Amino acid sequence: MLTCFVNLSRNRTVGVRLGAGEGLGHILGSGKGVAEGVATAGAVISLADRYNVSLPVLTAVSRILDNQMTPRTAVLELMNMPQVPEV
């Protein structure tokens, strides 16, 4: 819950700053501590692919971190996904 709601979270801080248009390199170079999610997002996506698990939000986050998608595009794509039952 800390990551989602508290400004002390390094991962949340990175996300907020990315959403505001700052570049990842600048964010990582100016921050204190390590935002673990930046380094692990790609590994989680690899595991999800291996085990055929759909993780649309984390896939979007990984694509943003890899500079393959803007935060705005990610939100639009996620909000326009068809609704499906989840297990």
N, C-alpha and C. Protein backbone atom coordinates (compact mmCIF):
# COMPACT_ATOMS: atom_id res chain seq x y z
N MET A 1 0.81 -1.18 0.00
CA MET A 1 0.00 0.00 0.00
C MET A 1 0.86 1.26 0.00
N LEU A 2 2.03 1.17 0.61
CA LEU A 2 2.92 2.32 0.65
C LEU A 2 3.22 2.83 -0.76
N THR A 3 3.50 1.90 -1.68
CA THR A 3 3.86 2.27 -3.04
C THR A 3 2.76 3.08 -3.71
N CYS A 4 1.53 2.78 -3.39
CA CYS A 4 0.40 3.45 -4.05
C CYS A 4 0.08 4.83 -3.49
N PHE A 5 0.20 4.98 -2.19
CA PHE A 5 -0.41 6.15 -1.56
C PHE A 5 0.53 7.11 -0.84
N VAL A 6 1.73 6.70 -0.54
CA VAL A 6 2.59 7.53 0.32
C VAL A 6 3.73 8.13 -0.49
N ASN A 7 3.94 9.43 -0.32
CA ASN A 7 4.99 10.12 -1.07
C ASN A 7 6.39 9.65 -0.71
N LEU A 8 6.56 8.91 0.37
CA LEU A 8 7.87 8.40 0.75
C LEU A 8 8.30 7.21 -0.12
N SER A 9 7.38 6.62 -0.85
CA SER A 9 7.70 5.48 -1.69
C SER A 9 8.56 5.92 -2.88
N ARG A 10 9.71 5.29 -3.03
CA ARG A 10 10.59 5.62 -4.15
C ARG A 10 9.94 5.23 -5.48
N ASN A 11 9.26 4.07 -5.53
CA ASN A 11 8.61 3.64 -6.76
C ASN A 11 7.49 4.62 -7.15
N ARG A 12 6.71 5.04 -6.20
CA ARG A 12 5.64 6.00 -6.48
C ARG A 12 6.22 7.32 -6.97
N THR A 13 7.29 7.77 -6.34
CA THR A 13 7.92 9.01 -6.74
C THR A 13 8.40 8.94 -8.19
N VAL A 14 9.01 7.82 -8.57
CA VAL A 14 9.44 7.65 -9.96
C VAL A 14 8.24 7.73 -10.89
N GLY A 15 7.16 7.05 -10.55
CA GLY A 15 5.96 7.05 -11.38
C GLY A 15 5.34 8.42 -11.53
N VAL A 16 5.25 9.14 -10.43
CA VAL A 16 4.68 10.49 -10.47
C VAL A 16 5.54 11.39 -11.36
N ARG A 17 6.84 11.29 -11.21
CA ARG A 17 7.73 12.14 -12.01
C ARG A 17 7.71 11.76 -13.48
N LEU A 18 7.62 10.46 -13.78
CA LEU A 18 7.47 10.03 -15.18
C LEU A 18 6.18 10.59 -15.76
N GLY A 19 5.11 10.50 -14.99
CA GLY A 19 3.83 11.03 -15.43
C GLY A 19 3.84 12.53 -15.68
N ALA A 20 4.72 13.22 -14.98
CA ALA A 20 4.86 14.67 -15.16
C ALA A 20 5.76 15.02 -16.34
N GLY A 21 6.31 14.00 -16.98
CA GLY A 21 7.10 14.25 -18.19
C GLY A 21 8.61 14.22 -18.02
N GLU A 22 9.09 13.92 -16.83
CA GLU A 22 10.55 13.84 -16.64
C GLU A 22 11.08 12.54 -17.24
N GLY A 23 12.31 12.56 -17.68
CA GLY A 23 12.94 11.37 -18.21
C GLY A 23 13.44 10.45 -17.10
N LEU A 24 13.41 9.16 -17.38
CA LEU A 24 13.82 8.18 -16.37
C LEU A 24 15.26 8.39 -15.93
N GLY A 25 16.15 8.65 -16.86
CA GLY A 25 17.56 8.87 -16.50
C GLY A 25 17.73 10.03 -15.54
N HIS A 26 17.03 11.10 -15.80
CA HIS A 26 17.10 12.27 -14.91
C HIS A 26 16.54 11.94 -13.53
N ILE A 27 15.43 11.22 -13.52
CA ILE A 27 14.80 10.85 -12.24
C ILE A 27 15.74 9.98 -11.42
N LEU A 28 16.29 8.95 -12.05
CA LEU A 28 17.17 8.04 -11.32
C LEU A 28 18.45 8.72 -10.87
N GLY A 29 18.93 9.67 -11.65
CA GLY A 29 20.15 10.38 -11.30
C GLY A 29 19.97 11.39 -10.18
N SER A 30 18.74 11.82 -9.96
CA SER A 30 18.52 12.85 -8.96
C SER A 30 17.87 12.33 -7.68
N GLY A 31 17.49 11.06 -7.68
CA GLY A 31 16.80 10.52 -6.51
C GLY A 31 17.74 9.95 -5.48
N LYS A 32 17.17 9.71 -4.30
CA LYS A 32 17.92 9.08 -3.23
C LYS A 32 17.39 7.67 -3.08
N GLY A 33 18.27 6.72 -2.95
CA GLY A 33 17.86 5.34 -2.79
C GLY A 33 17.54 4.69 -4.12
N VAL A 34 17.01 3.49 -4.04
CA VAL A 34 16.74 2.68 -5.23
C VAL A 34 15.24 2.45 -5.35
N ALA A 35 14.70 2.70 -6.52
CA ALA A 35 13.31 2.35 -6.81
C ALA A 35 13.34 0.94 -7.40
N GLU A 36 13.08 -0.05 -6.57
CA GLU A 36 13.24 -1.45 -6.96
C GLU A 36 12.40 -1.83 -8.18
N GLY A 37 11.24 -1.20 -8.32
CA GLY A 37 10.36 -1.53 -9.43
C GLY A 37 10.95 -1.25 -10.79
N VAL A 38 11.83 -0.26 -10.87
CA VAL A 38 12.46 0.07 -12.15
C VAL A 38 13.29 -1.10 -12.65
N ALA A 39 14.04 -1.70 -11.76
CA ALA A 39 14.92 -2.81 -12.15
C ALA A 39 14.19 -4.12 -12.30
N THR A 40 13.05 -4.29 -11.64
CA THR A 40 12.39 -5.59 -11.64
C THR A 40 11.21 -5.70 -12.61
N ALA A 41 10.72 -4.61 -13.14
CA ALA A 41 9.54 -4.66 -14.01
C ALA A 41 9.77 -5.57 -15.21
N GLY A 42 10.90 -5.45 -15.86
CA GLY A 42 11.19 -6.29 -17.03
C GLY A 42 11.26 -7.76 -16.68
N ALA A 43 11.84 -8.07 -15.52
CA ALA A 43 11.94 -9.48 -15.10
C ALA A 43 10.56 -10.07 -14.82
N VAL A 44 9.68 -9.28 -14.24
CA VAL A 44 8.32 -9.76 -13.97
C VAL A 44 7.59 -10.02 -15.28
N ILE A 45 7.76 -9.15 -16.26
CA ILE A 45 7.12 -9.35 -17.56
C ILE A 45 7.65 -10.61 -18.23
N SER A 46 8.94 -10.85 -18.13
CA SER A 46 9.51 -12.09 -18.69
C SER A 46 8.88 -13.33 -18.06
N LEU A 47 8.73 -13.31 -16.74
CA LEU A 47 8.09 -14.44 -16.06
C LEU A 47 6.62 -14.56 -16.47
N ALA A 48 5.93 -13.45 -16.56
CA ALA A 48 4.52 -13.49 -16.97
C ALA A 48 4.39 -14.08 -18.37
N ASP A 49 5.27 -13.69 -19.27
CA ASP A 49 5.25 -14.25 -20.63
C ASP A 49 5.51 -15.75 -20.60
N ARG A 50 6.48 -16.16 -19.81
CA ARG A 50 6.83 -17.57 -19.73
C ARG A 50 5.66 -18.42 -19.24
N TYR A 51 4.91 -17.90 -18.27
CA TYR A 51 3.81 -18.65 -17.68
C TYR A 51 2.44 -18.24 -18.21
N ASN A 52 2.44 -17.47 -19.30
CA ASN A 52 1.21 -17.06 -19.97
C ASN A 52 0.23 -16.35 -19.02
N VAL A 53 0.76 -15.40 -18.27
CA VAL A 53 -0.04 -14.60 -17.34
C VAL A 53 -0.17 -13.19 -17.92
N SER A 54 -1.39 -12.71 -18.00
CA SER A 54 -1.64 -11.37 -18.52
C SER A 54 -1.51 -10.34 -17.40
N LEU A 55 -0.60 -9.40 -17.58
CA LEU A 55 -0.39 -8.32 -16.61
C LEU A 55 -0.40 -6.99 -17.35
N PRO A 56 -1.57 -6.52 -17.78
CA PRO A 56 -1.59 -5.32 -18.62
C PRO A 56 -1.04 -4.06 -17.96
N VAL A 57 -1.29 -3.87 -16.68
CA VAL A 57 -0.79 -2.66 -16.03
C VAL A 57 0.73 -2.72 -15.92
N LEU A 58 1.26 -3.83 -15.46
CA LEU A 58 2.71 -3.93 -15.34
C LEU A 58 3.39 -3.94 -16.71
N THR A 59 2.74 -4.50 -17.71
CA THR A 59 3.29 -4.44 -19.06
C THR A 59 3.40 -2.98 -19.52
N ALA A 60 2.37 -2.19 -19.24
CA ALA A 60 2.42 -0.77 -19.59
C ALA A 60 3.53 -0.06 -18.83
N VAL A 61 3.67 -0.36 -17.54
CA VAL A 61 4.74 0.25 -16.74
C VAL A 61 6.10 -0.10 -17.32
N SER A 62 6.28 -1.36 -17.66
CA SER A 62 7.56 -1.79 -18.24
C SER A 62 7.84 -1.07 -19.56
N ARG A 63 6.82 -0.92 -20.38
CA ARG A 63 6.99 -0.23 -21.66
C ARG A 63 7.30 1.25 -21.45
N ILE A 64 6.72 1.86 -20.43
CA ILE A 64 7.04 3.26 -20.11
C ILE A 64 8.50 3.36 -19.68
N LEU A 65 8.92 2.46 -18.80
CA LEU A 65 10.30 2.48 -18.32
C LEU A 65 11.30 2.25 -19.45
N ASP A 66 10.90 1.45 -20.45
CA ASP A 66 11.77 1.17 -21.60
C ASP A 66 11.63 2.22 -22.70
N ASN A 67 10.88 3.28 -22.41
CA ASN A 67 10.67 4.38 -23.36
C ASN A 67 9.99 3.91 -24.65
N GLN A 68 9.11 2.91 -24.52
CA GLN A 68 8.36 2.41 -25.67
C GLN A 68 6.94 2.97 -25.69
N MET A 69 6.56 3.67 -24.62
CA MET A 69 5.20 4.18 -24.50
C MET A 69 5.22 5.36 -23.54
N THR A 70 4.37 6.33 -23.80
CA THR A 70 4.24 7.44 -22.85
C THR A 70 3.21 7.07 -21.77
N PRO A 71 3.30 7.71 -20.63
CA PRO A 71 2.29 7.46 -19.60
C PRO A 71 0.87 7.75 -20.10
N ARG A 72 0.70 8.80 -20.87
CA ARG A 72 -0.62 9.15 -21.39
C ARG A 72 -1.16 8.04 -22.29
N THR A 73 -0.33 7.53 -23.18
CA THR A 73 -0.76 6.45 -24.07
C THR A 73 -1.09 5.20 -23.26
N ALA A 74 -0.29 4.92 -22.24
CA ALA A 74 -0.54 3.75 -21.41
C ALA A 74 -1.91 3.83 -20.74
N VAL A 75 -2.23 4.99 -20.17
CA VAL A 75 -3.53 5.15 -19.52
C VAL A 75 -4.66 4.97 -20.53
N LEU A 76 -4.54 5.59 -21.68
CA LEU A 76 -5.59 5.47 -22.70
C LEU A 76 -5.78 4.03 -23.13
N GLU A 77 -4.69 3.31 -23.37
CA GLU A 77 -4.80 1.92 -23.79
C GLU A 77 -5.40 1.05 -22.69
N LEU A 78 -4.96 1.26 -21.45
CA LEU A 78 -5.50 0.46 -20.35
C LEU A 78 -6.98 0.74 -20.12
N MET A 79 -7.38 1.99 -20.19
CA MET A 79 -8.79 2.32 -19.96
C MET A 79 -9.70 1.86 -21.09
N ASN A 80 -9.13 1.60 -22.25
CA ASN A 80 -9.93 1.15 -23.40
C ASN A 80 -9.86 -0.35 -23.63
N MET A 81 -9.23 -1.06 -22.73
CA MET A 81 -9.18 -2.53 -22.86
C MET A 81 -10.58 -3.11 -22.64
N PRO A 82 -10.89 -4.17 -23.35
CA PRO A 82 -12.20 -4.81 -23.10
C PRO A 82 -12.24 -5.41 -21.69
N GLN A 83 -13.40 -5.37 -21.10
CA GLN A 83 -13.55 -5.98 -19.79
C GLN A 83 -13.62 -7.49 -19.95
N VAL A 84 -12.89 -8.18 -19.11
CA VAL A 84 -12.88 -9.65 -19.14
C VAL A 84 -12.98 -10.15 -17.70
N PRO A 85 -13.54 -11.34 -17.53
CA PRO A 85 -13.57 -11.88 -16.17
C PRO A 85 -12.15 -12.22 -15.72
N GLU A 86 -11.86 -11.98 -14.46
CA GLU A 86 -10.55 -12.32 -13.91
C GLU A 86 -10.70 -13.44 -12.91
N VAL A 87 -9.67 -14.23 -12.79
CA VAL A 87 -9.71 -15.37 -11.88
C VAL A 87 -9.14 -15.02 -10.54
